[in-house]
Amino acid sequence: MENVKLAVIYYSSTGSNHKMAKWAGRAAEAAGAEVRVLKVKETAPQEAIDSNPLWKKHHAESDTAEAEMSDLEWADAIIFSTPTRYGHVPAQVQQFLDQTGGLWAKGKLVDKVVSAMSSAQNPHGGQEATILAMYTTLFHWGAIIAAPGYSDMAVFGAGGNPYGTSATISEDGVMADESAIEKAVKYQAERTVKTAAAFKRGKS
């Protein structure tokens, strides 16, 4: 298999998307990829963070390196994991994406193999819309979308979202059907790595 460099980039206020990103990273490494698990910079005011005990705890404990534009240029493939905010990505993620204009203008994001995952408090709380909103930006990059589709039973076990794994998180931070979500995340990561490897092999 072609050596694939994968960046798993997440934003997580209370820790769920961090957990999903770590699952993806481990599965990608097991599939032979060189992996960087990175977080989007937190831009919320401290008083907002302090208002939610889970957010405050995760923010204080997280020591993951922050994603930089250089990580996007380095990567052959990218998996994004993000919560939903009214059916769209959080402002923190949008700000990160808004910084990619320089790379985009130079064609540095063309042919990146990308995939996305999401979470929300309710089963139909905007996860699909959030992933599709993310993909809209990535279409502008000229990226290759590696959505899971209905290509494995793990997708069905996690609720059947063909665009990307989506988790439901309760107010106290508990992930519904966690084992099924983990399997789907790992499958999505493996599929992304395999797609990137095949694409690199074809280009070479």
N, C-alpha and C. Protein backbone atom coordinates (compact mmCIF):
# COMPACT_ATOMS: atom_id res chain seq x y z
N MET A 1 0.84 -1.20 0.00
CA MET A 1 0.00 0.00 0.00
C MET A 1 0.88 1.25 0.00
N GLU A 2 0.47 2.26 -0.78
CA GLU A 2 1.17 3.54 -0.78
C GLU A 2 1.17 4.14 0.62
N ASN A 3 2.29 4.78 0.98
CA ASN A 3 2.35 5.45 2.28
C ASN A 3 1.43 6.67 2.27
N VAL A 4 0.49 6.71 3.17
CA VAL A 4 -0.48 7.79 3.23
C VAL A 4 -0.24 8.62 4.48
N LYS A 5 -0.20 9.93 4.31
CA LYS A 5 -0.10 10.86 5.44
C LYS A 5 -1.50 11.41 5.71
N LEU A 6 -2.01 11.13 6.91
CA LEU A 6 -3.37 11.50 7.27
C LEU A 6 -3.38 12.49 8.43
N ALA A 7 -4.10 13.59 8.25
CA ALA A 7 -4.36 14.52 9.35
C ALA A 7 -5.80 14.32 9.80
N VAL A 8 -6.00 14.00 11.07
CA VAL A 8 -7.33 13.93 11.66
C VAL A 8 -7.51 15.22 12.45
N ILE A 9 -8.39 16.08 11.96
CA ILE A 9 -8.54 17.42 12.54
C ILE A 9 -9.94 17.53 13.15
N TYR A 10 -9.98 17.88 14.42
CA TYR A 10 -11.26 17.91 15.12
C TYR A 10 -11.43 19.21 15.89
N TYR A 11 -12.69 19.54 16.13
CA TYR A 11 -13.02 20.53 17.15
C TYR A 11 -13.92 19.84 18.14
N SER A 12 -13.66 20.04 19.43
CA SER A 12 -14.45 19.38 20.46
C SER A 12 -14.56 20.29 21.67
N SER A 13 -15.78 20.60 22.07
CA SER A 13 -15.94 21.41 23.27
C SER A 13 -15.95 20.52 24.51
N THR A 14 -16.72 19.43 24.47
CA THR A 14 -16.84 18.60 25.67
C THR A 14 -16.14 17.24 25.55
N GLY A 15 -15.51 16.96 24.40
CA GLY A 15 -14.66 15.77 24.30
C GLY A 15 -15.12 14.68 23.36
N SER A 16 -16.33 14.72 22.89
CA SER A 16 -16.85 13.62 22.06
C SER A 16 -16.13 13.53 20.72
N ASN A 17 -15.95 14.66 20.05
CA ASN A 17 -15.27 14.62 18.76
C ASN A 17 -13.77 14.36 18.92
N HIS A 18 -13.23 14.70 20.06
CA HIS A 18 -11.85 14.32 20.37
C HIS A 18 -11.76 12.79 20.42
N LYS A 19 -12.71 12.16 21.09
CA LYS A 19 -12.74 10.71 21.19
C LYS A 19 -12.85 10.08 19.79
N MET A 20 -13.74 10.61 18.97
CA MET A 20 -13.92 10.10 17.62
C MET A 20 -12.65 10.27 16.79
N ALA A 21 -11.99 11.40 16.97
CA ALA A 21 -10.74 11.64 16.23
C ALA A 21 -9.65 10.65 16.64
N LYS A 22 -9.58 10.34 17.92
CA LYS A 22 -8.58 9.37 18.38
C LYS A 22 -8.88 7.98 17.83
N TRP A 23 -10.15 7.60 17.78
CA TRP A 23 -10.50 6.31 17.17
C TRP A 23 -10.06 6.27 15.71
N ALA A 24 -10.34 7.35 15.00
CA ALA A 24 -9.96 7.41 13.59
C ALA A 24 -8.45 7.32 13.41
N GLY A 25 -7.74 8.03 14.26
CA GLY A 25 -6.28 8.02 14.17
C GLY A 25 -5.70 6.63 14.40
N ARG A 26 -6.22 5.94 15.40
CA ARG A 26 -5.71 4.60 15.71
C ARG A 26 -6.00 3.63 14.55
N ALA A 27 -7.19 3.72 14.00
CA ALA A 27 -7.55 2.83 12.89
C ALA A 27 -6.70 3.12 11.66
N ALA A 28 -6.43 4.39 11.41
CA ALA A 28 -5.61 4.76 10.26
C ALA A 28 -4.18 4.28 10.43
N GLU A 29 -3.65 4.40 11.64
CA GLU A 29 -2.30 3.89 11.90
C GLU A 29 -2.25 2.38 11.71
N ALA A 30 -3.29 1.68 12.16
CA ALA A 30 -3.35 0.23 11.98
C ALA A 30 -3.41 -0.14 10.50
N ALA A 31 -3.97 0.77 9.69
CA ALA A 31 -4.06 0.54 8.25
C ALA A 31 -2.78 0.97 7.52
N GLY A 32 -1.78 1.44 8.28
CA GLY A 32 -0.49 1.76 7.69
C GLY A 32 -0.22 3.22 7.42
N ALA A 33 -1.11 4.10 7.84
CA ALA A 33 -0.92 5.53 7.58
C ALA A 33 -0.03 6.19 8.63
N GLU A 34 0.61 7.26 8.21
CA GLU A 34 1.30 8.17 9.14
C GLU A 34 0.28 9.21 9.57
N VAL A 35 0.03 9.33 10.86
CA VAL A 35 -1.14 10.07 11.33
C VAL A 35 -0.74 11.22 12.25
N ARG A 36 -1.43 12.34 12.06
CA ARG A 36 -1.39 13.46 13.00
C ARG A 36 -2.82 13.73 13.46
N VAL A 37 -3.08 13.62 14.76
CA VAL A 37 -4.38 13.99 15.32
C VAL A 37 -4.22 15.40 15.90
N LEU A 38 -5.02 16.32 15.39
CA LEU A 38 -4.84 17.73 15.70
C LEU A 38 -6.19 18.38 16.01
N LYS A 39 -6.15 19.42 16.84
CA LYS A 39 -7.40 20.10 17.19
C LYS A 39 -7.44 21.49 16.56
N VAL A 40 -8.65 21.94 16.29
CA VAL A 40 -8.87 23.30 15.84
C VAL A 40 -8.76 24.23 17.05
N LYS A 41 -8.15 25.36 16.86
CA LYS A 41 -7.93 26.32 17.96
C LYS A 41 -9.25 26.77 18.57
N GLU A 42 -9.30 26.78 19.89
CA GLU A 42 -10.47 27.27 20.62
C GLU A 42 -10.47 28.80 20.59
N THR A 43 -11.58 29.37 20.15
CA THR A 43 -11.68 30.83 20.09
C THR A 43 -12.81 31.39 20.95
N ALA A 44 -13.54 30.52 21.63
CA ALA A 44 -14.64 30.99 22.48
C ALA A 44 -14.07 31.73 23.70
N PRO A 45 -14.78 32.73 24.21
CA PRO A 45 -14.31 33.43 25.41
C PRO A 45 -14.31 32.49 26.61
N GLN A 46 -13.41 32.76 27.55
CA GLN A 46 -13.26 31.90 28.71
C GLN A 46 -14.54 31.80 29.52
N GLU A 47 -15.31 32.88 29.57
CA GLU A 47 -16.55 32.83 30.35
C GLU A 47 -17.55 31.85 29.74
N ALA A 48 -17.55 31.72 28.43
CA ALA A 48 -18.43 30.74 27.78
C ALA A 48 -17.97 29.33 28.11
N ILE A 49 -16.67 29.11 28.06
CA ILE A 49 -16.11 27.79 28.39
C ILE A 49 -16.42 27.44 29.85
N ASP A 50 -16.23 28.40 30.73
CA ASP A 50 -16.45 28.17 32.17
C ASP A 50 -17.92 27.90 32.51
N SER A 51 -18.82 28.31 31.63
CA SER A 51 -20.25 28.15 31.91
C SER A 51 -20.72 26.71 31.78
N ASN A 52 -19.91 25.86 31.13
CA ASN A 52 -20.25 24.45 30.93
C ASN A 52 -19.17 23.60 31.57
N PRO A 53 -19.46 22.87 32.65
CA PRO A 53 -18.44 22.09 33.35
C PRO A 53 -17.71 21.09 32.46
N LEU A 54 -18.43 20.44 31.54
CA LEU A 54 -17.78 19.48 30.65
C LEU A 54 -16.82 20.17 29.68
N TRP A 55 -17.26 21.32 29.16
CA TRP A 55 -16.42 22.11 28.24
C TRP A 55 -15.17 22.60 28.98
N LYS A 56 -15.37 23.13 30.18
CA LYS A 56 -14.25 23.64 30.98
C LYS A 56 -13.25 22.53 31.28
N LYS A 57 -13.74 21.35 31.63
CA LYS A 57 -12.87 20.23 31.97
C LYS A 57 -12.07 19.77 30.75
N HIS A 58 -12.77 19.60 29.63
CA HIS A 58 -12.08 19.13 28.42
C HIS A 58 -11.05 20.15 27.94
N HIS A 59 -11.43 21.41 27.99
CA HIS A 59 -10.51 22.47 27.53
C HIS A 59 -9.25 22.50 28.39
N ALA A 60 -9.42 22.31 29.70
CA ALA A 60 -8.27 22.35 30.60
C ALA A 60 -7.36 21.14 30.42
N GLU A 61 -7.93 19.99 30.08
CA GLU A 61 -7.16 18.75 30.02
C GLU A 61 -6.58 18.45 28.64
N SER A 62 -7.10 19.08 27.61
CA SER A 62 -6.66 18.75 26.25
C SER A 62 -5.27 19.30 25.96
N ASP A 63 -4.35 18.40 25.59
CA ASP A 63 -2.99 18.83 25.26
C ASP A 63 -2.65 18.51 23.81
N THR A 64 -3.67 18.28 22.99
CA THR A 64 -3.45 17.99 21.58
C THR A 64 -2.91 19.22 20.87
N ALA A 65 -1.99 19.02 19.96
CA ALA A 65 -1.43 20.13 19.18
C ALA A 65 -2.51 20.74 18.29
N GLU A 66 -2.41 22.04 18.06
CA GLU A 66 -3.38 22.73 17.21
C GLU A 66 -3.02 22.56 15.73
N ALA A 67 -4.04 22.38 14.91
CA ALA A 67 -3.85 22.23 13.47
C ALA A 67 -3.38 23.54 12.86
N GLU A 68 -2.44 23.43 11.93
CA GLU A 68 -1.91 24.57 11.21
C GLU A 68 -2.13 24.36 9.71
N MET A 69 -2.00 25.42 8.94
CA MET A 69 -2.13 25.29 7.50
C MET A 69 -1.09 24.32 6.93
N SER A 70 0.08 24.29 7.56
CA SER A 70 1.13 23.38 7.10
C SER A 70 0.73 21.92 7.23
N ASP A 71 -0.15 21.61 8.18
CA ASP A 71 -0.63 20.23 8.33
C ASP A 71 -1.51 19.84 7.16
N LEU A 72 -2.30 20.77 6.66
CA LEU A 72 -3.13 20.50 5.49
C LEU A 72 -2.26 20.25 4.26
N GLU A 73 -1.21 21.05 4.11
CA GLU A 73 -0.31 20.87 2.96
C GLU A 73 0.43 19.55 3.06
N TRP A 74 0.81 19.15 4.28
CA TRP A 74 1.54 17.90 4.51
C TRP A 74 0.71 16.68 4.17
N ALA A 75 -0.57 16.73 4.47
CA ALA A 75 -1.42 15.54 4.42
C ALA A 75 -1.80 15.14 3.01
N ASP A 76 -1.87 13.83 2.78
CA ASP A 76 -2.50 13.29 1.57
C ASP A 76 -4.01 13.18 1.77
N ALA A 77 -4.39 12.92 3.01
CA ALA A 77 -5.81 12.71 3.34
C ALA A 77 -6.12 13.43 4.66
N ILE A 78 -7.38 13.83 4.80
CA ILE A 78 -7.81 14.58 5.98
C ILE A 78 -9.17 14.07 6.42
N ILE A 79 -9.32 13.81 7.71
CA ILE A 79 -10.63 13.50 8.29
C ILE A 79 -10.96 14.62 9.27
N PHE A 80 -12.11 15.23 9.09
CA PHE A 80 -12.59 16.25 10.01
C PHE A 80 -13.65 15.65 10.92
N SER A 81 -13.61 16.01 12.19
CA SER A 81 -14.64 15.60 13.15
C SER A 81 -15.11 16.84 13.89
N THR A 82 -16.39 17.13 13.80
CA THR A 82 -16.89 18.39 14.33
C THR A 82 -18.31 18.25 14.86
N PRO A 83 -18.63 18.93 15.94
CA PRO A 83 -20.03 18.99 16.37
C PRO A 83 -20.82 19.88 15.41
N THR A 84 -22.14 19.82 15.53
CA THR A 84 -22.98 20.68 14.70
C THR A 84 -23.44 21.90 15.49
N ARG A 85 -23.54 22.98 14.79
CA ARG A 85 -24.12 24.21 15.35
C ARG A 85 -25.20 24.69 14.39
N TYR A 86 -26.44 24.39 14.73
CA TYR A 86 -27.57 24.78 13.87
C TYR A 86 -27.41 24.22 12.45
N GLY A 87 -26.97 22.97 12.35
CA GLY A 87 -26.83 22.33 11.05
C GLY A 87 -25.61 22.77 10.27
N HIS A 88 -24.67 23.37 10.95
CA HIS A 88 -23.45 23.84 10.30
C HIS A 88 -22.28 23.61 11.24
N VAL A 89 -21.07 23.87 10.75
CA VAL A 89 -19.89 23.69 11.60
C VAL A 89 -19.79 24.83 12.61
N PRO A 90 -19.15 24.60 13.75
CA PRO A 90 -18.95 25.67 14.72
C PRO A 90 -18.08 26.80 14.15
N ALA A 91 -18.19 27.95 14.76
CA ALA A 91 -17.40 29.11 14.31
C ALA A 91 -15.90 28.82 14.33
N GLN A 92 -15.46 28.02 15.30
CA GLN A 92 -14.04 27.70 15.40
C GLN A 92 -13.56 26.96 14.15
N VAL A 93 -14.39 26.02 13.68
CA VAL A 93 -14.03 25.26 12.48
C VAL A 93 -14.10 26.15 11.24
N GLN A 94 -15.14 26.98 11.16
CA GLN A 94 -15.26 27.88 10.02
C GLN A 94 -14.08 28.83 9.93
N GLN A 95 -13.63 29.33 11.08
CA GLN A 95 -12.47 30.23 11.07
C GLN A 95 -11.23 29.50 10.56
N PHE A 96 -11.07 28.24 10.96
CA PHE A 96 -9.93 27.46 10.47
C PHE A 96 -10.02 27.29 8.95
N LEU A 97 -11.21 26.94 8.46
CA LEU A 97 -11.38 26.77 7.02
C LEU A 97 -11.17 28.07 6.27
N ASP A 98 -11.59 29.18 6.88
CA ASP A 98 -11.43 30.48 6.23
C ASP A 98 -9.97 30.88 6.05
N GLN A 99 -9.09 30.23 6.80
CA GLN A 99 -7.65 30.53 6.67
C GLN A 99 -6.98 29.78 5.53
N THR A 100 -7.73 28.90 4.86
CA THR A 100 -7.11 28.05 3.84
C THR A 100 -7.01 28.74 2.47
N GLY A 101 -7.42 29.99 2.37
CA GLY A 101 -7.43 30.68 1.08
C GLY A 101 -6.08 30.71 0.39
N GLY A 102 -5.02 30.90 1.17
CA GLY A 102 -3.69 30.94 0.56
C GLY A 102 -3.31 29.62 -0.08
N LEU A 103 -3.56 28.53 0.63
CA LEU A 103 -3.27 27.21 0.08
C LEU A 103 -4.16 26.92 -1.12
N TRP A 104 -5.44 27.29 -1.00
CA TRP A 104 -6.38 27.09 -2.11
C TRP A 104 -5.91 27.83 -3.36
N ALA A 105 -5.48 29.08 -3.21
CA ALA A 105 -5.07 29.89 -4.35
C ALA A 105 -3.86 29.30 -5.07
N LYS A 106 -3.03 28.58 -4.33
CA LYS A 106 -1.84 27.96 -4.91
C LYS A 106 -2.09 26.53 -5.39
N GLY A 107 -3.33 26.06 -5.25
CA GLY A 107 -3.66 24.71 -5.67
C GLY A 107 -3.14 23.63 -4.75
N LYS A 108 -2.80 24.00 -3.52
CA LYS A 108 -2.19 23.04 -2.60
C LYS A 108 -3.20 22.08 -1.96
N LEU A 109 -4.49 22.35 -2.14
CA LEU A 109 -5.51 21.50 -1.53
C LEU A 109 -6.21 20.60 -2.55
N VAL A 110 -5.83 20.75 -3.81
CA VAL A 110 -6.41 19.92 -4.86
C VAL A 110 -6.00 18.46 -4.65
N ASP A 111 -6.94 17.57 -4.82
CA ASP A 111 -6.73 16.12 -4.75
C ASP A 111 -6.44 15.60 -3.34
N LYS A 112 -6.69 16.40 -2.31
CA LYS A 112 -6.66 15.84 -0.97
C LYS A 112 -7.86 14.90 -0.82
N VAL A 113 -7.64 13.74 -0.25
CA VAL A 113 -8.74 12.80 -0.01
C VAL A 113 -9.31 13.12 1.37
N VAL A 114 -10.59 13.46 1.43
CA VAL A 114 -11.15 13.97 2.66
C VAL A 114 -12.44 13.25 3.05
N SER A 115 -12.71 13.25 4.35
CA SER A 115 -13.94 12.66 4.89
C SER A 115 -14.29 13.43 6.15
N ALA A 116 -15.55 13.35 6.58
CA ALA A 116 -15.98 14.13 7.74
C ALA A 116 -16.94 13.34 8.62
N MET A 117 -16.92 13.67 9.90
CA MET A 117 -17.79 13.07 10.92
C MET A 117 -18.40 14.20 11.75
N SER A 118 -19.50 13.88 12.44
CA SER A 118 -20.14 14.94 13.22
C SER A 118 -20.87 14.37 14.43
N SER A 119 -21.33 15.28 15.28
CA SER A 119 -22.12 14.90 16.45
C SER A 119 -23.12 16.00 16.77
N ALA A 120 -24.19 15.61 17.47
CA ALA A 120 -25.19 16.57 17.94
C ALA A 120 -25.90 15.94 19.13
N GLN A 121 -26.70 16.75 19.80
CA GLN A 121 -27.38 16.27 21.01
C GLN A 121 -28.57 15.36 20.69
N ASN A 122 -29.14 15.52 19.49
CA ASN A 122 -30.31 14.73 19.10
C ASN A 122 -29.99 13.88 17.87
N PRO A 123 -30.69 12.76 17.69
CA PRO A 123 -30.41 11.90 16.54
C PRO A 123 -30.57 12.60 15.19
N HIS A 124 -31.45 13.60 15.14
CA HIS A 124 -31.66 14.35 13.91
C HIS A 124 -31.36 15.84 14.16
N GLY A 125 -30.28 16.08 14.88
CA GLY A 125 -29.94 17.43 15.29
C GLY A 125 -29.05 18.19 14.34
N GLY A 126 -28.91 17.73 13.10
CA GLY A 126 -28.14 18.49 12.11
C GLY A 126 -26.84 17.85 11.69
N GLN A 127 -26.59 16.61 12.10
CA GLN A 127 -25.31 15.97 11.77
C GLN A 127 -25.08 15.87 10.26
N GLU A 128 -26.10 15.40 9.54
CA GLU A 128 -25.93 15.25 8.09
C GLU A 128 -25.71 16.60 7.42
N ALA A 129 -26.47 17.61 7.83
CA ALA A 129 -26.32 18.94 7.24
C ALA A 129 -24.93 19.50 7.52
N THR A 130 -24.41 19.22 8.71
CA THR A 130 -23.07 19.71 9.07
C THR A 130 -22.01 19.07 8.18
N ILE A 131 -22.10 17.76 7.98
CA ILE A 131 -21.13 17.08 7.12
C ILE A 131 -21.23 17.60 5.69
N LEU A 132 -22.45 17.76 5.19
CA LEU A 132 -22.62 18.26 3.83
C LEU A 132 -22.10 19.68 3.69
N ALA A 133 -22.29 20.50 4.72
CA ALA A 133 -21.75 21.86 4.70
C ALA A 133 -20.22 21.83 4.63
N MET A 134 -19.62 20.91 5.38
CA MET A 134 -18.17 20.74 5.33
C MET A 134 -17.73 20.33 3.92
N TYR A 135 -18.45 19.39 3.34
CA TYR A 135 -18.08 18.91 2.01
C TYR A 135 -18.20 20.01 0.96
N THR A 136 -19.14 20.93 1.13
CA THR A 136 -19.25 22.05 0.18
C THR A 136 -17.95 22.83 0.11
N THR A 137 -17.36 23.11 1.26
CA THR A 137 -16.07 23.80 1.28
C THR A 137 -15.00 22.96 0.59
N LEU A 138 -15.01 21.65 0.87
CA LEU A 138 -13.97 20.78 0.33
C LEU A 138 -14.11 20.59 -1.18
N PHE A 139 -15.33 20.71 -1.70
CA PHE A 139 -15.50 20.71 -3.16
C PHE A 139 -14.76 21.88 -3.79
N HIS A 140 -14.80 23.02 -3.11
CA HIS A 140 -14.09 24.20 -3.62
C HIS A 140 -12.58 23.98 -3.63
N TRP A 141 -12.10 23.18 -2.71
CA TRP A 141 -10.68 22.83 -2.71
C TRP A 141 -10.28 22.01 -3.92
N GLY A 142 -11.24 21.26 -4.49
CA GLY A 142 -10.91 20.26 -5.49
C GLY A 142 -10.53 18.95 -4.84
N ALA A 143 -11.06 18.73 -3.62
CA ALA A 143 -10.75 17.52 -2.86
C ALA A 143 -11.52 16.33 -3.39
N ILE A 144 -11.06 15.15 -3.03
CA ILE A 144 -11.71 13.89 -3.35
C ILE A 144 -12.47 13.43 -2.10
N ILE A 145 -13.78 13.37 -2.14
CA ILE A 145 -14.58 13.02 -0.97
C ILE A 145 -14.63 11.50 -0.81
N ALA A 146 -14.24 11.03 0.37
CA ALA A 146 -14.26 9.60 0.68
C ALA A 146 -15.34 9.32 1.73
N ALA A 147 -16.58 9.54 1.35
CA ALA A 147 -17.69 9.25 2.27
C ALA A 147 -17.85 7.74 2.43
N PRO A 148 -18.33 7.27 3.58
CA PRO A 148 -18.47 5.83 3.77
C PRO A 148 -19.55 5.20 2.91
N GLY A 149 -20.59 5.98 2.56
CA GLY A 149 -21.69 5.40 1.81
C GLY A 149 -22.30 4.23 2.58
N TYR A 150 -22.92 3.33 1.85
CA TYR A 150 -23.44 2.11 2.46
C TYR A 150 -22.55 0.94 2.04
N SER A 151 -21.27 1.08 2.33
CA SER A 151 -20.27 0.13 1.84
C SER A 151 -19.84 -0.89 2.88
N ASP A 152 -20.40 -0.80 4.10
CA ASP A 152 -20.04 -1.74 5.15
C ASP A 152 -21.15 -1.75 6.19
N MET A 153 -21.33 -2.90 6.84
CA MET A 153 -22.38 -3.01 7.84
C MET A 153 -22.15 -2.10 9.04
N ALA A 154 -20.91 -1.69 9.27
CA ALA A 154 -20.64 -0.77 10.38
C ALA A 154 -21.40 0.54 10.22
N VAL A 155 -21.61 0.96 8.98
CA VAL A 155 -22.37 2.19 8.72
C VAL A 155 -23.81 2.03 9.20
N PHE A 156 -24.40 0.90 8.89
CA PHE A 156 -25.78 0.64 9.33
C PHE A 156 -25.87 0.55 10.85
N GLY A 157 -24.87 -0.09 11.46
CA GLY A 157 -24.87 -0.25 12.91
C GLY A 157 -24.81 1.06 13.66
N ALA A 158 -24.25 2.08 13.02
CA ALA A 158 -24.12 3.39 13.67
C ALA A 158 -25.22 4.36 13.26
N GLY A 159 -26.27 3.85 12.66
CA GLY A 159 -27.40 4.71 12.31
C GLY A 159 -27.60 4.93 10.84
N GLY A 160 -26.65 4.51 10.01
CA GLY A 160 -26.85 4.54 8.57
C GLY A 160 -26.64 5.88 7.90
N ASN A 161 -25.74 6.71 8.40
CA ASN A 161 -25.45 7.98 7.73
C ASN A 161 -24.40 7.74 6.64
N PRO A 162 -24.77 7.86 5.36
CA PRO A 162 -23.81 7.56 4.29
C PRO A 162 -22.78 8.65 4.06
N TYR A 163 -22.99 9.83 4.64
CA TYR A 163 -22.09 10.96 4.41
C TYR A 163 -20.87 10.92 5.33
N GLY A 164 -21.06 10.34 6.50
CA GLY A 164 -20.00 10.26 7.50
C GLY A 164 -20.59 9.84 8.83
N THR A 165 -19.78 9.27 9.67
CA THR A 165 -20.28 8.81 10.97
C THR A 165 -20.83 9.98 11.78
N SER A 166 -22.00 9.78 12.38
CA SER A 166 -22.60 10.84 13.20
C SER A 166 -23.04 10.27 14.53
N ALA A 167 -22.65 10.95 15.59
CA ALA A 167 -22.94 10.49 16.95
C ALA A 167 -23.98 11.37 17.61
N THR A 168 -24.73 10.77 18.53
CA THR A 168 -25.68 11.51 19.36
C THR A 168 -25.12 11.57 20.78
N ILE A 169 -24.99 12.79 21.30
CA ILE A 169 -24.36 13.02 22.60
C ILE A 169 -25.37 13.63 23.56
N SER A 170 -25.54 13.04 24.73
CA SER A 170 -26.48 13.58 25.71
C SER A 170 -25.92 14.83 26.37
N GLU A 171 -26.75 15.51 27.13
CA GLU A 171 -26.32 16.74 27.81
C GLU A 171 -25.18 16.48 28.78
N ASP A 172 -25.11 15.28 29.33
CA ASP A 172 -24.04 14.98 30.28
C ASP A 172 -22.85 14.31 29.59
N GLY A 173 -22.79 14.39 28.26
CA GLY A 173 -21.62 13.95 27.53
C GLY A 173 -21.55 12.48 27.19
N VAL A 174 -22.64 11.76 27.35
CA VAL A 174 -22.65 10.32 27.07
C VAL A 174 -23.00 10.09 25.60
N MET A 175 -22.20 9.30 24.92
CA MET A 175 -22.43 8.99 23.51
C MET A 175 -23.34 7.77 23.39
N ALA A 176 -24.43 7.92 22.66
CA ALA A 176 -25.34 6.81 22.42
C ALA A 176 -24.70 5.79 21.49
N ASP A 177 -24.90 4.50 21.78
CA ASP A 177 -24.38 3.41 20.93
C ASP A 177 -22.89 3.58 20.66
N GLU A 178 -22.13 3.83 21.73
CA GLU A 178 -20.71 4.17 21.55
C GLU A 178 -19.92 3.10 20.80
N SER A 179 -20.15 1.83 21.11
CA SER A 179 -19.38 0.78 20.44
C SER A 179 -19.66 0.75 18.95
N ALA A 180 -20.91 0.99 18.57
CA ALA A 180 -21.27 1.02 17.15
C ALA A 180 -20.66 2.23 16.46
N ILE A 181 -20.65 3.37 17.14
CA ILE A 181 -20.04 4.57 16.58
C ILE A 181 -18.54 4.36 16.40
N GLU A 182 -17.90 3.75 17.38
CA GLU A 182 -16.46 3.48 17.27
C GLU A 182 -16.16 2.61 16.05
N LYS A 183 -16.95 1.57 15.84
CA LYS A 183 -16.73 0.70 14.68
C LYS A 183 -16.89 1.47 13.38
N ALA A 184 -17.91 2.32 13.32
CA ALA A 184 -18.15 3.09 12.10
C ALA A 184 -17.03 4.10 11.85
N VAL A 185 -16.56 4.75 12.91
CA VAL A 185 -15.45 5.70 12.78
C VAL A 185 -14.20 4.99 12.25
N LYS A 186 -13.91 3.84 12.83
CA LYS A 186 -12.72 3.10 12.41
C LYS A 186 -12.84 2.65 10.96
N TYR A 187 -14.04 2.21 10.58
CA TYR A 187 -14.23 1.82 9.18
C TYR A 187 -14.05 3.02 8.25
N GLN A 188 -14.61 4.16 8.64
CA GLN A 188 -14.49 5.36 7.81
C GLN A 188 -13.03 5.77 7.66
N ALA A 189 -12.26 5.66 8.73
CA ALA A 189 -10.83 5.99 8.67
C ALA A 189 -10.10 5.03 7.75
N GLU A 190 -10.38 3.75 7.88
CA GLU A 190 -9.73 2.75 7.02
C GLU A 190 -10.08 3.00 5.55
N ARG A 191 -11.33 3.31 5.28
CA ARG A 191 -11.76 3.58 3.91
C ARG A 191 -11.06 4.82 3.35
N THR A 192 -10.91 5.84 4.18
CA THR A 192 -10.25 7.07 3.74
C THR A 192 -8.79 6.78 3.39
N VAL A 193 -8.11 6.01 4.23
CA VAL A 193 -6.71 5.67 3.98
C VAL A 193 -6.58 4.84 2.70
N LYS A 194 -7.45 3.84 2.54
CA LYS A 194 -7.39 2.99 1.35
C LYS A 194 -7.67 3.80 0.08
N THR A 195 -8.62 4.72 0.15
CA THR A 195 -8.92 5.56 -1.00
C THR A 195 -7.74 6.45 -1.35
N ALA A 196 -7.12 7.04 -0.32
CA ALA A 196 -5.95 7.89 -0.55
C ALA A 196 -4.79 7.10 -1.14
N ALA A 197 -4.60 5.88 -0.63
CA ALA A 197 -3.51 5.04 -1.13
C ALA A 197 -3.74 4.68 -2.60
N ALA A 198 -4.97 4.34 -2.94
CA ALA A 198 -5.29 3.98 -4.32
C ALA A 198 -5.11 5.18 -5.23
N PHE A 199 -5.50 6.36 -4.75
CA PHE A 199 -5.37 7.57 -5.56
C PHE A 199 -3.90 7.91 -5.77
N LYS A 200 -3.10 7.81 -4.72
CA LYS A 200 -1.66 8.07 -4.86
C LYS A 200 -1.02 7.08 -5.83
N ARG A 201 -1.42 5.83 -5.73
CA ARG A 201 -0.87 4.80 -6.58
C ARG A 201 -1.23 5.10 -8.05
N GLY A 202 -2.45 5.52 -8.29
CA GLY A 202 -2.87 5.85 -9.63
C GLY A 202 -2.13 7.04 -10.21
N LYS A 203 -1.90 8.06 -9.38
CA LYS A 203 -1.19 9.26 -9.84
C LYS A 203 0.26 8.97 -10.16
N SER A 204 0.86 8.02 -9.40
CA SER A 204 2.28 7.72 -9.60
C SER A 204 2.49 6.76 -10.76
